[in-house]
Structure formats: C-alpha cells, structure tokens
Amino acid sequence: MKSLTFDEFQNRLRVVSRARRIFIPNLTRNISNAFALYQEILEEDDRLLSLEIANNTGGFAPSILDDFPRPPCPKCKTPLRLSILTD
C-alpha cells in the first residue's frame, strides 16, 4: 500500500469527489471511469488509477453474489450480473 501524506490524501479525496460530481451519473455510473475521465480531461497532474480489483472480476466490483451461478441472458446468452437491491 502506498503511504500518502495527509495533504496528498486530502488532495486525492478532493479529486475523486470532483470526478464523482461532474461525471456521475451524467456520463458514467462507475467511479473508476469517472476518475479516468477527470484525469484525461481536466486534471493537470497525473495520478495512478488502480483498476486491479475490477480487472480481476471482469470489470465489475467484487460482490458476495459472485459465488452463485449466473443465469444467461435470454437474448445474447451472456451471464447476467446479479445485484442486491435495497430499499
């Protein structure tokens, strides 16, 4: 894990917050994509964007439902993503 100073950590939080405010839900619902867009379009300083977890799970965040079999889509036959809905 990378050790950040307090100021670096605060700066990173501000950037993620700005990316969320600008790009979610207007262009994307994924914070990693929003952060990447923010870096590409608006930010002067490059920051490392870690997508290691998403890459290991096919681009989706891990879920407790990953252990269950997924039914295929009736139209395209790809496995459907399952999610937990809360009220």
N, C-alpha and C. Protein backbone atom coordinates (compact mmCIF):
# COMPACT_ATOMS: atom_id res chain seq x y z
N MET A 1 0.84 -1.18 0.00
CA MET A 1 0.00 0.00 0.00
C MET A 1 0.88 1.24 0.00
N LYS A 2 0.52 2.20 -0.80
CA LYS A 2 1.30 3.42 -0.90
C LYS A 2 1.03 4.30 0.31
N SER A 3 2.09 4.84 0.87
CA SER A 3 1.95 5.72 2.03
C SER A 3 1.80 7.16 1.53
N LEU A 4 0.70 7.79 1.89
CA LEU A 4 0.43 9.16 1.48
C LEU A 4 0.52 10.09 2.67
N THR A 5 0.98 11.31 2.42
CA THR A 5 0.93 12.31 3.47
C THR A 5 -0.52 12.77 3.61
N PHE A 6 -0.80 13.48 4.68
CA PHE A 6 -2.15 13.97 4.91
C PHE A 6 -2.61 14.86 3.76
N ASP A 7 -1.73 15.76 3.29
CA ASP A 7 -2.10 16.66 2.19
C ASP A 7 -2.35 15.90 0.89
N GLU A 8 -1.52 14.89 0.60
CA GLU A 8 -1.74 14.08 -0.60
C GLU A 8 -3.06 13.33 -0.53
N PHE A 9 -3.37 12.80 0.64
CA PHE A 9 -4.62 12.07 0.83
C PHE A 9 -5.82 13.00 0.64
N GLN A 10 -5.76 14.20 1.24
CA GLN A 10 -6.84 15.17 1.10
C GLN A 10 -7.02 15.59 -0.35
N ASN A 11 -5.90 15.78 -1.05
CA ASN A 11 -5.97 16.16 -2.46
C ASN A 11 -6.62 15.06 -3.27
N ARG A 12 -6.27 13.83 -3.00
CA ARG A 12 -6.86 12.69 -3.73
C ARG A 12 -8.36 12.60 -3.47
N LEU A 13 -8.78 12.81 -2.24
CA LEU A 13 -10.21 12.80 -1.91
C LEU A 13 -10.96 13.90 -2.66
N ARG A 14 -10.37 15.08 -2.74
CA ARG A 14 -11.00 16.19 -3.47
C ARG A 14 -11.16 15.86 -4.95
N VAL A 15 -10.14 15.24 -5.54
CA VAL A 15 -10.20 14.91 -6.96
C VAL A 15 -11.28 13.85 -7.22
N VAL A 16 -11.35 12.84 -6.38
CA VAL A 16 -12.38 11.81 -6.55
C VAL A 16 -13.77 12.43 -6.38
N SER A 17 -13.91 13.33 -5.42
CA SER A 17 -15.19 14.00 -5.20
C SER A 17 -15.59 14.83 -6.42
N ARG A 18 -14.64 15.55 -6.99
CA ARG A 18 -14.93 16.35 -8.19
C ARG A 18 -15.32 15.45 -9.36
N ALA A 19 -14.58 14.37 -9.54
CA ALA A 19 -14.88 13.44 -10.63
C ALA A 19 -16.29 12.88 -10.47
N ARG A 20 -16.66 12.54 -9.24
CA ARG A 20 -18.00 12.00 -8.98
C ARG A 20 -19.07 13.05 -9.30
N ARG A 21 -18.86 14.27 -8.85
CA ARG A 21 -19.83 15.34 -9.04
C ARG A 21 -20.02 15.67 -10.52
N ILE A 22 -18.95 15.65 -11.30
CA ILE A 22 -19.01 16.04 -12.70
C ILE A 22 -19.54 14.92 -13.60
N PHE A 23 -19.04 13.69 -13.40
CA PHE A 23 -19.30 12.64 -14.37
C PHE A 23 -20.32 11.60 -13.95
N ILE A 24 -20.68 11.52 -12.66
CA ILE A 24 -21.68 10.54 -12.21
C ILE A 24 -22.95 11.28 -11.88
N PRO A 25 -24.11 10.94 -12.33
CA PRO A 25 -24.49 9.88 -13.25
C PRO A 25 -24.61 10.36 -14.68
N ASN A 26 -24.11 11.55 -15.00
CA ASN A 26 -24.31 12.11 -16.34
C ASN A 26 -23.67 11.28 -17.45
N LEU A 27 -22.42 10.85 -17.26
CA LEU A 27 -21.74 10.09 -18.30
C LEU A 27 -21.48 8.64 -17.93
N THR A 28 -21.30 8.38 -16.66
CA THR A 28 -20.99 7.02 -16.22
C THR A 28 -21.50 6.81 -14.80
N ARG A 29 -21.62 5.56 -14.41
CA ARG A 29 -22.01 5.24 -13.04
C ARG A 29 -20.85 4.57 -12.31
N ASN A 30 -19.70 4.50 -12.96
CA ASN A 30 -18.53 3.83 -12.41
C ASN A 30 -17.51 4.87 -11.98
N ILE A 31 -17.12 4.86 -10.70
CA ILE A 31 -16.20 5.87 -10.18
C ILE A 31 -14.82 5.75 -10.82
N SER A 32 -14.40 4.54 -11.17
CA SER A 32 -13.10 4.38 -11.84
C SER A 32 -13.11 5.06 -13.21
N ASN A 33 -14.21 4.89 -13.94
CA ASN A 33 -14.33 5.56 -15.24
C ASN A 33 -14.42 7.07 -15.07
N ALA A 34 -15.15 7.52 -14.06
CA ALA A 34 -15.28 8.96 -13.80
C ALA A 34 -13.92 9.55 -13.46
N PHE A 35 -13.15 8.85 -12.62
CA PHE A 35 -11.82 9.33 -12.26
C PHE A 35 -10.90 9.38 -13.48
N ALA A 36 -10.96 8.35 -14.32
CA ALA A 36 -10.14 8.33 -15.53
C ALA A 36 -10.52 9.48 -16.47
N LEU A 37 -11.81 9.74 -16.63
CA LEU A 37 -12.26 10.87 -17.45
C LEU A 37 -11.77 12.20 -16.88
N TYR A 38 -11.87 12.34 -15.57
CA TYR A 38 -11.42 13.57 -14.92
C TYR A 38 -9.92 13.77 -15.17
N GLN A 39 -9.15 12.69 -15.02
CA GLN A 39 -7.70 12.77 -15.24
C GLN A 39 -7.40 13.16 -16.68
N GLU A 40 -8.11 12.57 -17.62
CA GLU A 40 -7.83 12.80 -19.04
C GLU A 40 -8.25 14.20 -19.48
N ILE A 41 -9.37 14.69 -18.97
CA ILE A 41 -9.94 15.94 -19.47
C ILE A 41 -9.53 17.16 -18.66
N LEU A 42 -9.57 17.05 -17.33
CA LEU A 42 -9.47 18.24 -16.50
C LEU A 42 -8.20 18.37 -15.67
N GLU A 43 -7.60 17.30 -15.28
CA GLU A 43 -6.50 17.36 -14.31
C GLU A 43 -5.16 17.58 -14.99
N GLU A 44 -4.35 18.47 -14.37
CA GLU A 44 -3.01 18.70 -14.90
C GLU A 44 -2.01 17.67 -14.36
N ASP A 45 -2.20 17.22 -13.12
CA ASP A 45 -1.29 16.24 -12.52
C ASP A 45 -1.82 14.84 -12.76
N ASP A 46 -0.96 13.96 -13.24
CA ASP A 46 -1.35 12.57 -13.44
C ASP A 46 -1.30 11.82 -12.11
N ARG A 47 -2.32 11.03 -11.86
CA ARG A 47 -2.37 10.19 -10.68
C ARG A 47 -2.57 8.76 -11.14
N LEU A 48 -2.05 7.84 -10.38
CA LEU A 48 -2.20 6.43 -10.71
C LEU A 48 -3.63 6.00 -10.46
N LEU A 49 -4.22 5.36 -11.44
CA LEU A 49 -5.58 4.84 -11.31
C LEU A 49 -5.47 3.33 -11.22
N SER A 50 -5.80 2.78 -10.08
CA SER A 50 -5.67 1.34 -9.88
C SER A 50 -6.98 0.66 -10.21
N LEU A 51 -6.92 -0.24 -11.19
CA LEU A 51 -8.10 -1.00 -11.59
C LEU A 51 -7.87 -2.49 -11.37
N GLU A 52 -6.97 -2.81 -10.47
CA GLU A 52 -6.60 -4.21 -10.26
C GLU A 52 -7.79 -5.06 -9.86
N ILE A 53 -8.62 -4.60 -8.93
CA ILE A 53 -9.76 -5.39 -8.47
C ILE A 53 -10.77 -5.56 -9.61
N ALA A 54 -11.07 -4.47 -10.31
CA ALA A 54 -12.05 -4.55 -11.39
C ALA A 54 -11.55 -5.45 -12.52
N ASN A 55 -10.26 -5.43 -12.80
CA ASN A 55 -9.73 -6.28 -13.87
C ASN A 55 -9.85 -7.76 -13.52
N ASN A 56 -9.74 -8.10 -12.25
CA ASN A 56 -9.82 -9.50 -11.83
C ASN A 56 -11.25 -10.02 -11.84
N THR A 57 -12.23 -9.15 -11.87
CA THR A 57 -13.63 -9.57 -11.81
C THR A 57 -14.39 -9.18 -13.08
N GLY A 58 -13.70 -9.06 -14.18
CA GLY A 58 -14.36 -8.75 -15.45
C GLY A 58 -14.85 -7.33 -15.55
N GLY A 59 -14.25 -6.40 -14.84
CA GLY A 59 -14.63 -5.00 -14.91
C GLY A 59 -15.69 -4.59 -13.90
N PHE A 60 -16.11 -5.52 -13.06
CA PHE A 60 -17.12 -5.22 -12.05
C PHE A 60 -16.49 -5.32 -10.66
N ALA A 61 -17.01 -4.55 -9.75
CA ALA A 61 -16.56 -4.66 -8.37
C ALA A 61 -16.96 -6.01 -7.80
N PRO A 62 -16.13 -6.60 -6.94
CA PRO A 62 -16.48 -7.90 -6.37
C PRO A 62 -17.77 -7.83 -5.56
N SER A 63 -18.49 -8.92 -5.54
CA SER A 63 -19.76 -8.99 -4.83
C SER A 63 -19.89 -10.34 -4.15
N ILE A 64 -20.67 -10.40 -3.08
CA ILE A 64 -20.89 -11.69 -2.43
C ILE A 64 -21.70 -12.62 -3.33
N LEU A 65 -22.33 -12.08 -4.35
CA LEU A 65 -23.11 -12.89 -5.28
C LEU A 65 -22.26 -13.54 -6.37
N ASP A 66 -20.95 -13.23 -6.39
CA ASP A 66 -20.08 -13.82 -7.41
C ASP A 66 -19.95 -15.33 -7.25
N ASP A 67 -20.22 -15.86 -6.06
CA ASP A 67 -20.10 -17.30 -5.82
C ASP A 67 -21.30 -18.08 -6.37
N PHE A 68 -22.36 -17.39 -6.74
CA PHE A 68 -23.56 -18.05 -7.25
C PHE A 68 -23.53 -18.12 -8.77
N PRO A 69 -24.10 -19.17 -9.35
CA PRO A 69 -24.15 -19.24 -10.82
C PRO A 69 -25.07 -18.15 -11.38
N ARG A 70 -24.68 -17.63 -12.51
CA ARG A 70 -25.48 -16.56 -13.14
C ARG A 70 -26.31 -17.14 -14.27
N PRO A 71 -27.58 -16.80 -14.33
CA PRO A 71 -28.40 -17.27 -15.46
C PRO A 71 -28.00 -16.52 -16.73
N PRO A 72 -28.12 -17.16 -17.88
CA PRO A 72 -27.77 -16.48 -19.12
C PRO A 72 -28.86 -15.49 -19.55
N CYS A 73 -28.45 -14.47 -20.24
CA CYS A 73 -29.38 -13.51 -20.82
C CYS A 73 -30.22 -14.23 -21.87
N PRO A 74 -31.53 -14.04 -21.87
CA PRO A 74 -32.38 -14.72 -22.85
C PRO A 74 -32.07 -14.33 -24.30
N LYS A 75 -31.55 -13.12 -24.51
CA LYS A 75 -31.30 -12.65 -25.86
C LYS A 75 -29.90 -12.99 -26.37
N CYS A 76 -28.87 -12.63 -25.55
CA CYS A 76 -27.49 -12.79 -26.05
C CYS A 76 -26.73 -13.94 -25.40
N LYS A 77 -27.32 -14.58 -24.40
CA LYS A 77 -26.75 -15.75 -23.73
C LYS A 77 -25.50 -15.47 -22.90
N THR A 78 -25.17 -14.20 -22.64
CA THR A 78 -24.05 -13.91 -21.74
C THR A 78 -24.56 -13.99 -20.30
N PRO A 79 -23.68 -14.33 -19.35
CA PRO A 79 -24.12 -14.42 -17.96
C PRO A 79 -24.60 -13.07 -17.44
N LEU A 80 -25.73 -13.07 -16.77
CA LEU A 80 -26.29 -11.84 -16.21
C LEU A 80 -25.58 -11.47 -14.93
N ARG A 81 -25.46 -10.18 -14.68
CA ARG A 81 -24.89 -9.70 -13.43
C ARG A 81 -26.00 -9.66 -12.39
N LEU A 82 -25.71 -10.16 -11.23
CA LEU A 82 -26.67 -10.15 -10.13
C LEU A 82 -26.31 -9.03 -9.18
N SER A 83 -27.30 -8.39 -8.60
CA SER A 83 -27.04 -7.35 -7.61
C SER A 83 -28.09 -7.42 -6.51
N ILE A 84 -27.69 -6.91 -5.36
CA ILE A 84 -28.59 -6.88 -4.22
C ILE A 84 -29.31 -5.54 -4.22
N LEU A 85 -30.62 -5.56 -4.24
CA LEU A 85 -31.42 -4.34 -4.21
C LEU A 85 -31.86 -4.06 -2.79
N THR A 86 -31.68 -2.81 -2.37
CA THR A 86 -32.14 -2.42 -1.03
C THR A 86 -33.08 -1.25 -1.18
N ASP A 87 -34.01 -1.14 -0.28
CA ASP A 87 -34.96 -0.01 -0.32
C ASP A 87 -34.43 1.16 0.45
